[in-house]
Amino acid sequence: MRVLLQRVSEARVRVDGAVVGQCRAGLLILVCAMQGDTEAQAEALAAKVAKCRIFQDDQGKMNRSVLDIGGSILVVSQFTLAADTRSGNRPGFSSAAAPEDGRRLYEHFAGALSGLGLPVETGRFGADMKVSLVNDGPVTIWMDTGAA
């Protein structure tokens, strides 16, 4: 799996003009399941994300996790994180998981974060979503199951 973490003051996702998910201070996580990914990998990545120390402590150093700050999370599916741009001008997405596997792993990842005690909301898998956020820092971190 690939995730892009964005430390946010707030974030929300709309579908057809209606808010379907939102979070306060915490993380907006864009998620892409890749071919061959497993539930175990999704769980390991969720644990790594939950413990990732990218929030400031009292000395202003990035030394606290989303768990430490009592933050919330908005998880949004984004298959375009699988983009292969090595040749040509049009990205290829063949390394992304098939839609049914992508949905299952996306939901499993969000559930694993929730199981760690984090408030988690989600976008709508496969929908045309409009995501808005206030990036805090900005801090944006890329991770994948190879890094978990």
Protein backbone atom coordinates (compact mmCIF):
# COMPACT_ATOMS: atom_id res chain seq x y z
CA MET A 1 0.00 0.00 0.00
CA ARG A 2 1.01 3.57 -0.53
CA VAL A 3 -0.09 6.43 1.65
CA LEU A 4 0.49 10.13 1.57
CA LEU A 5 0.15 11.68 5.02
CA GLN A 6 -0.69 15.34 5.34
CA ARG A 7 -0.60 16.95 8.76
CA VAL A 8 -3.71 19.12 8.83
CA SER A 9 -5.54 21.60 11.01
CA GLU A 10 -8.72 20.37 9.34
CA ALA A 11 -9.82 18.48 6.25
CA ARG A 12 -13.05 17.40 4.60
CA VAL A 13 -14.19 15.47 1.59
CA ARG A 14 -17.36 16.15 -0.38
CA VAL A 15 -19.27 14.02 -2.84
CA ASP A 16 -21.96 15.75 -4.90
CA GLY A 17 -21.62 18.80 -2.63
CA ALA A 18 -22.27 16.90 0.62
CA VAL A 19 -19.58 16.37 3.26
CA VAL A 20 -19.05 12.61 3.59
CA GLY A 21 -16.00 12.71 5.89
CA GLN A 22 -13.95 15.22 7.84
CA CYS A 23 -11.35 15.59 10.55
CA ARG A 24 -10.03 18.23 12.88
CA ALA A 25 -6.33 18.55 13.75
CA GLY A 26 -4.62 15.34 12.73
CA LEU A 27 -4.00 13.60 9.42
CA LEU A 28 -5.47 13.52 5.96
CA ILE A 29 -4.30 10.20 4.53
CA LEU A 30 -4.51 9.48 0.82
CA VAL A 31 -4.39 5.69 0.29
CA CYS A 32 -3.67 3.45 -2.69
CA ALA A 33 -3.74 -0.34 -2.53
CA MET A 34 -1.22 -1.93 -4.89
CA GLN A 35 -1.38 -5.33 -6.60
CA GLY A 36 -0.37 -8.07 -4.18
CA ASP A 37 -1.03 -6.05 -1.00
CA THR A 38 -2.42 -7.92 2.01
CA GLU A 39 -4.46 -7.14 5.10
CA ALA A 40 -1.35 -7.77 7.21
CA GLN A 41 0.51 -5.09 5.26
CA ALA A 42 -2.40 -2.68 5.69
CA GLU A 43 -2.36 -3.29 9.45
CA ALA A 44 1.42 -2.82 9.69
CA LEU A 45 1.22 0.42 7.71
CA ALA A 46 -1.66 1.69 9.87
CA ALA A 47 0.41 1.02 13.00
CA LYS A 48 3.39 2.87 11.52
CA VAL A 49 1.20 5.83 10.54
CA ALA A 50 -0.38 6.01 14.01
CA LYS A 51 3.08 6.15 15.64
CA CYS A 52 4.73 8.47 13.11
CA ARG A 53 6.08 11.42 15.09
CA ILE A 54 5.30 14.42 12.90
CA PHE A 55 3.48 16.65 15.39
CA GLN A 56 5.25 19.25 17.50
CA ASP A 57 6.07 18.73 21.16
CA ASP A 58 6.37 21.55 23.73
CA GLN A 59 9.82 22.44 22.39
CA GLY A 60 8.55 22.77 18.81
CA LYS A 61 10.20 19.54 17.59
CA MET A 62 8.32 16.95 15.57
CA ASN A 63 8.25 14.40 18.35
CA ARG A 64 4.58 13.45 18.82
CA SER A 65 2.27 11.11 16.93
CA VAL A 66 -1.37 11.53 16.01
CA LEU A 67 -2.09 9.19 18.94
CA ASP A 68 -0.08 11.42 21.29
CA ILE A 69 -1.99 14.57 20.34
CA GLY A 70 -5.43 12.96 20.38
CA GLY A 71 -5.83 13.84 16.70
CA SER A 72 -8.31 12.57 14.17
CA ILE A 73 -7.90 11.08 10.72
CA LEU A 74 -9.58 11.41 7.35
CA VAL A 75 -8.76 8.51 5.00
CA VAL A 76 -9.37 9.05 1.27
CA SER A 77 -8.79 6.47 -1.48
CA GLN A 78 -6.55 7.68 -4.30
CA PHE A 79 -5.52 5.11 -6.89
CA THR A 80 -3.41 7.74 -8.68
CA LEU A 81 -0.68 7.20 -6.06
CA ALA A 82 0.14 4.12 -8.16
CA ALA A 83 1.07 6.34 -11.13
CA ASP A 84 3.97 5.09 -13.22
CA THR A 85 5.49 8.10 -14.97
CA ARG A 86 8.68 6.48 -16.25
CA SER A 87 7.73 6.65 -19.91
CA GLY A 88 5.54 8.84 -22.03
CA ASN A 89 3.36 11.69 -20.88
CA ARG A 90 0.38 9.72 -19.66
CA PRO A 91 0.79 7.98 -16.28
CA GLY A 92 0.00 4.28 -16.08
CA PHE A 93 -1.90 2.79 -13.17
CA SER A 94 -1.53 -0.93 -13.83
CA SER A 95 0.26 -1.52 -10.51
CA ALA A 96 -2.80 -0.41 -8.53
CA ALA A 97 -4.93 -3.16 -7.04
CA ALA A 98 -8.12 -4.16 -8.84
CA PRO A 99 -11.08 -2.08 -7.61
CA GLU A 100 -12.60 -4.83 -5.42
CA ASP A 101 -9.21 -5.50 -3.76
CA GLY A 102 -8.55 -1.78 -3.49
CA ARG A 103 -11.83 -1.18 -1.68
CA ARG A 104 -11.29 -4.10 0.70
CA LEU A 105 -7.75 -3.00 1.61
CA TYR A 106 -8.71 0.67 1.89
CA GLU A 107 -11.50 -0.21 4.31
CA HIS A 108 -9.21 -2.59 6.21
CA PHE A 109 -6.55 0.13 6.57
CA ALA A 110 -9.13 2.63 7.88
CA GLY A 111 -10.49 -0.03 10.26
CA ALA A 112 -6.99 -0.81 11.54
CA LEU A 113 -6.44 2.87 12.38
CA SER A 114 -9.80 2.98 14.15
CA GLY A 115 -8.88 -0.18 16.04
CA LEU A 116 -5.86 1.67 17.45
CA GLY A 117 -8.24 4.11 19.13
CA LEU A 118 -8.13 6.89 16.57
CA PRO A 119 -11.25 8.73 15.37
CA VAL A 120 -11.38 7.91 11.65
CA GLU A 121 -13.67 9.13 8.89
CA THR A 122 -13.41 8.24 5.22
CA GLY A 123 -14.20 9.43 1.77
CA ARG A 124 -16.31 7.35 -0.61
CA PHE A 125 -14.31 4.74 -2.51
CA GLY A 126 -14.50 5.20 -6.28
CA ALA A 127 -16.47 8.45 -6.10
CA ASP A 128 -15.56 11.78 -7.66
CA MET A 129 -14.46 13.49 -4.44
CA LYS A 130 -13.57 17.08 -3.66
CA VAL A 131 -11.00 17.22 -0.87
CA SER A 132 -10.21 20.41 1.03
CA LEU A 133 -7.61 20.78 3.74
CA VAL A 134 -5.52 23.18 5.74
CA ASN A 135 -2.04 21.65 5.57
CA ASP A 136 -0.27 22.33 8.86
CA GLY A 137 3.41 23.13 8.40
CA PRO A 138 3.16 22.08 5.63
CA VAL A 139 4.10 18.54 6.54
CA THR A 140 3.57 15.86 3.90
CA ILE A 141 5.08 12.36 4.23
CA TRP A 142 4.98 9.45 1.77
CA MET A 143 5.04 5.84 3.03
CA ASP A 144 4.46 2.42 1.54
CA THR A 145 4.36 -1.15 2.74
CA GLY A 146 8.05 -1.47 1.90
CA ALA A 147 8.64 1.16 4.62
CA ALA A 148 6.29 -0.45 7.13
